[in-house]
């Protein structure tokens, strides 16, 4: 495996860990993004992105509320 392949594999592993952490954090707030995943198409190009995907209005409202509450706690 080349150094470039090793770097890409490390990025994918990191993205998987972050994705898992994000899912757990959202779950703790009662939020589920059913399409939350690593974007495989961009991953193949060497850029590893996490696709936050689509959600319904209720989920978007919960997410906005959770972010506002987090902001208020930091202020």
C-alpha atoms as a PDB file:
ATOM      1  CA  UNK A   1       0.000   0.000   0.000  1.00  0.00           C
ATOM      2  CA  UNK A   2       1.362   3.418  -0.914  1.00  0.00           C
ATOM      3  CA  UNK A   3       1.633   6.366   1.433  1.00  0.00           C
ATOM      4  CA  UNK A   4      -1.230   8.020  -0.455  1.00  0.00           C
ATOM      5  CA  UNK A   5      -3.411   4.931   0.100  1.00  0.00           C
ATOM      6  CA  UNK A   6      -2.453   4.889   3.791  1.00  0.00           C
ATOM      7  CA  UNK A   7      -3.395   8.576   4.126  1.00  0.00           C
ATOM      8  CA  UNK A   8      -6.735   7.986   2.427  1.00  0.00           C
ATOM      9  CA  UNK A   9      -7.475   4.946   4.595  1.00  0.00           C
ATOM     10  CA  UNK A  10      -6.671   7.003   7.709  1.00  0.00           C
ATOM     11  CA  UNK A  11      -9.040   9.764   6.543  1.00  0.00           C
ATOM     12  CA  UNK A  12     -11.814   7.223   5.965  1.00  0.00           C
ATOM     13  CA  UNK A  13     -11.266   5.742   9.443  1.00  0.00           C
ATOM     14  CA  UNK A  14     -11.346   9.234  10.950  1.00  0.00           C
ATOM     15  CA  UNK A  15     -14.553  10.036   9.049  1.00  0.00           C
ATOM     16  CA  UNK A  16     -16.121   6.798  10.312  1.00  0.00           C
ATOM     17  CA  UNK A  17     -15.237   7.717  13.908  1.00  0.00           C
ATOM     18  CA  UNK A  18     -16.583  11.264  13.518  1.00  0.00           C
ATOM     19  CA  UNK A  19     -19.724   9.918  11.854  1.00  0.00           C
ATOM     20  CA  UNK A  20     -20.334   7.548  14.749  1.00  0.00           C
ATOM     21  CA  UNK A  21     -19.729  10.337  17.271  1.00  0.00           C
ATOM     22  CA  UNK A  22     -22.091  12.671  15.404  1.00  0.00           C
ATOM     23  CA  UNK A  23     -24.830  10.022  15.250  1.00  0.00           C
ATOM     24  CA  UNK A  24     -24.531   9.435  19.006  1.00  0.00           C
ATOM     25  CA  UNK A  25     -24.585  13.168  19.781  1.00  0.00           C
ATOM     26  CA  UNK A  26     -27.651  13.671  17.608  1.00  0.00           C
ATOM     27  CA  UNK A  27     -29.333  10.615  19.134  1.00  0.00           C
ATOM     28  CA  UNK A  28     -28.767  12.132  22.570  1.00  0.00           C
ATOM     29  CA  UNK A  29     -30.826  15.116  21.431  1.00  0.00           C
ATOM     30  CA  UNK A  30     -33.548  12.926  19.923  1.00  0.00           C
ATOM     31  CA  UNK A  31     -32.410  13.667  16.371  1.00  0.00           C
ATOM     32  CA  UNK A  32     -31.984  11.055  13.669  1.00  0.00           C
ATOM     33  CA  UNK A  33     -30.669  11.877  10.201  1.00  0.00           C
ATOM     34  CA  UNK A  34     -31.504   8.648   8.342  1.00  0.00           C
ATOM     35  CA  UNK A  35     -29.245   9.398   5.384  1.00  0.00           C
ATOM     36  CA  UNK A  36     -26.215  10.456   7.447  1.00  0.00           C
ATOM     37  CA  UNK A  37     -23.234   8.670   5.906  1.00  0.00           C
ATOM     38  CA  UNK A  38     -19.800   8.981   4.376  1.00  0.00           C
ATOM     39  CA  UNK A  39     -20.103  10.260   0.816  1.00  0.00           C
ATOM     40  CA  UNK A  40     -18.579   7.371  -1.117  1.00  0.00           C
ATOM     41  CA  UNK A  41     -18.373   9.270  -4.409  1.00  0.00           C
ATOM     42  CA  UNK A  42     -16.201  12.048  -3.036  1.00  0.00           C
ATOM     43  CA  UNK A  43     -14.259   9.534  -0.967  1.00  0.00           C
ATOM     44  CA  UNK A  44     -13.129   7.849  -4.178  1.00  0.00           C
ATOM     45  CA  UNK A  45     -11.689  11.165  -5.367  1.00  0.00           C
ATOM     46  CA  UNK A  46      -9.500  11.422  -2.281  1.00  0.00           C
ATOM     47  CA  UNK A  47     -11.669  13.907  -0.406  1.00  0.00           C
ATOM     48  CA  UNK A  48     -13.590  12.286   2.433  1.00  0.00           C
ATOM     49  CA  UNK A  49     -16.854  14.093   3.188  1.00  0.00           C
ATOM     50  CA  UNK A  50     -19.676  13.265   5.563  1.00  0.00           C
ATOM     51  CA  UNK A  51     -23.032  13.689   3.860  1.00  0.00           C
ATOM     52  CA  UNK A  52     -25.530  15.207   6.289  1.00  0.00           C
ATOM     53  CA  UNK A  53     -28.195  14.401   3.708  1.00  0.00           C
ATOM     54  CA  UNK A  54     -31.861  15.203   3.769  1.00  0.00           C
ATOM     55  CA  UNK A  55     -34.272  15.315   6.676  1.00  0.00           C
ATOM     56  CA  UNK A  56     -37.883  16.218   7.288  1.00  0.00           C
ATOM     57  CA  UNK A  57     -39.032  19.553   8.693  1.00  0.00           C
ATOM     58  CA  UNK A  58     -39.448  18.232  12.236  1.00  0.00           C
ATOM     59  CA  UNK A  59     -35.890  16.907  12.290  1.00  0.00           C
ATOM     60  CA  UNK A  60     -34.529  20.187  10.906  1.00  0.00           C
ATOM     61  CA  UNK A  61     -36.383  22.060  13.648  1.00  0.00           C
ATOM     62  CA  UNK A  62     -34.947  19.768  16.339  1.00  0.00           C
ATOM     63  CA  UNK A  63     -31.467  20.233  14.932  1.00  0.00           C
ATOM     64  CA  UNK A  64     -31.819  24.025  14.844  1.00  0.00           C
ATOM     65  CA  UNK A  65     -33.116  24.014  18.436  1.00  0.00           C
ATOM     66  CA  UNK A  66     -30.236  21.832  19.654  1.00  0.00           C
ATOM     67  CA  UNK A  67     -27.701  24.135  17.987  1.00  0.00           C
ATOM     68  CA  UNK A  68     -29.339  27.232  19.495  1.00  0.00           C
ATOM     69  CA  UNK A  69     -29.307  25.652  22.962  1.00  0.00           C
ATOM     70  CA  UNK A  70     -25.635  24.752  22.565  1.00  0.00           C
ATOM     71  CA  UNK A  71     -24.907  28.334  21.503  1.00  0.00           C
ATOM     72  CA  UNK A  72     -26.775  29.716  24.522  1.00  0.00           C
ATOM     73  CA  UNK A  73     -24.791  27.495  26.888  1.00  0.00           C
ATOM     74  CA  UNK A  74     -21.494  28.729  25.417  1.00  0.00           C
ATOM     75  CA  UNK A  75     -22.441  32.399  25.805  1.00  0.00           C
END
